[in-house]
C-alpha atoms as a PDB file:
ATOM      1  CA  UNK A   1     117.908 200.512 -40.214  1.00  0.00           C
ATOM      2  CA  UNK A   2     119.437 197.894 -38.608  1.00  0.00           C
ATOM      3  CA  UNK A   3     117.421 194.435 -38.465  1.00  0.00           C
ATOM      4  CA  UNK A   4     117.087 191.768 -35.844  1.00  0.00           C
ATOM      5  CA  UNK A   5     120.361 190.149 -37.182  1.00  0.00           C
ATOM      6  CA  UNK A   6     122.510 193.101 -37.000  1.00  0.00           C
ATOM      7  CA  UNK A   7     121.223 194.173 -33.476  1.00  0.00           C
ATOM      8  CA  UNK A   8     121.970 190.713 -32.398  1.00  0.00           C
ATOM      9  CA  UNK A   9     125.356 190.567 -33.800  1.00  0.00           C
ATOM     10  CA  UNK A  10     126.047 194.030 -31.805  1.00  0.00           C
ATOM     11  CA  UNK A  11     125.035 192.519 -28.761  1.00  0.00           C
ATOM     12  CA  UNK A  12     127.066 189.591 -29.129  1.00  0.00           C
ATOM     13  CA  UNK A  13     130.197 191.812 -29.562  1.00  0.00           C
ATOM     14  CA  UNK A  14     129.469 193.782 -26.785  1.00  0.00           C
ATOM     15  CA  UNK A  15     129.240 190.555 -24.598  1.00  0.00           C
ATOM     16  CA  UNK A  16     132.334 189.541 -25.705  1.00  0.00           C
ATOM     17  CA  UNK A  17     134.280 192.745 -25.288  1.00  0.00           C
ATOM     18  CA  UNK A  18     132.951 192.828 -21.759  1.00  0.00           C
ATOM     19  CA  UNK A  19     134.034 189.298 -21.205  1.00  0.00           C
ATOM     20  CA  UNK A  20     137.481 190.036 -22.581  1.00  0.00           C
ATOM     21  CA  UNK A  21     137.914 193.265 -20.270  1.00  0.00           C
ATOM     22  CA  UNK A  22     136.927 191.166 -17.226  1.00  0.00           C
ATOM     23  CA  UNK A  23     139.066 188.656 -17.861  1.00  0.00           C
ATOM     24  CA  UNK A  24     141.828 190.976 -18.371  1.00  0.00           C
ATOM     25  CA  UNK A  25     141.086 192.435 -15.072  1.00  0.00           C
ATOM     26  CA  UNK A  26     141.373 189.389 -13.024  1.00  0.00           C
ATOM     27  CA  UNK A  27     144.556 187.919 -14.844  1.00  0.00           C
ATOM     28  CA  UNK A  28     146.246 191.524 -13.708  1.00  0.00           C
ATOM     29  CA  UNK A  29     145.029 191.186 -10.239  1.00  0.00           C
ATOM     30  CA  UNK A  30     148.196 190.286  -7.836  1.00  0.00           C
ATOM     31  CA  UNK A  31     148.681 186.576  -6.659  1.00  0.00           C
ATOM     32  CA  UNK A  32     148.121 186.141  -3.015  1.00  0.00           C
ATOM     33  CA  UNK A  33     150.885 184.572  -1.433  1.00  0.00           C
ATOM     34  CA  UNK A  34     150.034 182.568   1.606  1.00  0.00           C
ATOM     35  CA  UNK A  35     151.608 180.266   4.503  1.00  0.00           C
ATOM     36  CA  UNK A  36     148.039 178.309   4.996  1.00  0.00           C
ATOM     37  CA  UNK A  37     146.046 176.920   2.376  1.00  0.00           C
ATOM     38  CA  UNK A  38     143.274 179.301   1.484  1.00  0.00           C
ATOM     39  CA  UNK A  39     140.457 176.375   1.422  1.00  0.00           C
ATOM     40  CA  UNK A  40     141.225 174.161   4.349  1.00  0.00           C
ATOM     41  CA  UNK A  41     143.664 176.273   6.557  1.00  0.00           C
ATOM     42  CA  UNK A  42     146.676 173.669   6.444  1.00  0.00           C
ATOM     43  CA  UNK A  43     150.169 174.996   6.491  1.00  0.00           C
ATOM     44  CA  UNK A  44     151.800 175.445   2.967  1.00  0.00           C
ATOM     45  CA  UNK A  45     155.241 175.924   2.149  1.00  0.00           C
ATOM     46  CA  UNK A  46     157.058 178.656  -0.349  1.00  0.00           C
ATOM     47  CA  UNK A  47     154.155 181.066  -0.073  1.00  0.00           C
ATOM     48  CA  UNK A  48     151.542 178.491  -1.961  1.00  0.00           C
ATOM     49  CA  UNK A  49     148.048 179.468  -1.626  1.00  0.00           C
ATOM     50  CA  UNK A  50     146.748 175.755  -1.580  1.00  0.00           C
ATOM     51  CA  UNK A  51     147.953 172.702   0.099  1.00  0.00           C
ATOM     52  CA  UNK A  52     147.279 170.427  -2.712  1.00  0.00           C
ATOM     53  CA  UNK A  53     145.275 170.018  -6.277  1.00  0.00           C
ATOM     54  CA  UNK A  54     142.132 169.355  -4.466  1.00  0.00           C
ATOM     55  CA  UNK A  55     142.039 172.629  -2.459  1.00  0.00           C
ATOM     56  CA  UNK A  56     143.141 174.514  -5.219  1.00  0.00           C
ATOM     57  CA  UNK A  57     140.141 173.051  -7.495  1.00  0.00           C
ATOM     58  CA  UNK A  58     137.572 173.455  -4.919  1.00  0.00           C
ATOM     59  CA  UNK A  59     138.551 177.039  -4.069  1.00  0.00           C
ATOM     60  CA  UNK A  60     138.331 178.033  -7.706  1.00  0.00           C
ATOM     61  CA  UNK A  61     135.317 176.399  -7.907  1.00  0.00           C
ATOM     62  CA  UNK A  62     133.412 178.090  -5.000  1.00  0.00           C
ATOM     63  CA  UNK A  63     135.096 181.635  -6.191  1.00  0.00           C
ATOM     64  CA  UNK A  64     133.324 181.102  -9.412  1.00  0.00           C
ATOM     65  CA  UNK A  65     130.164 180.506  -7.722  1.00  0.00           C
ATOM     66  CA  UNK A  66     130.579 183.798  -5.883  1.00  0.00           C
ATOM     67  CA  UNK A  67     130.972 186.095  -9.230  1.00  0.00           C
END
């Protein structure tokens, strides 16, 4: 018979496995190239997704809030 500690450990391991699987899926998504900044709409060069570090950071923050 499992006690509460064993059940908690199983739950923790399940959560970790789901997190790893999700991260793997996200990491394998294709990188979206663009000629405009995905955050502010300014023109970019060489298929860059953002025009500067600020826009990249803000874009990532807002994407994380959507999840």
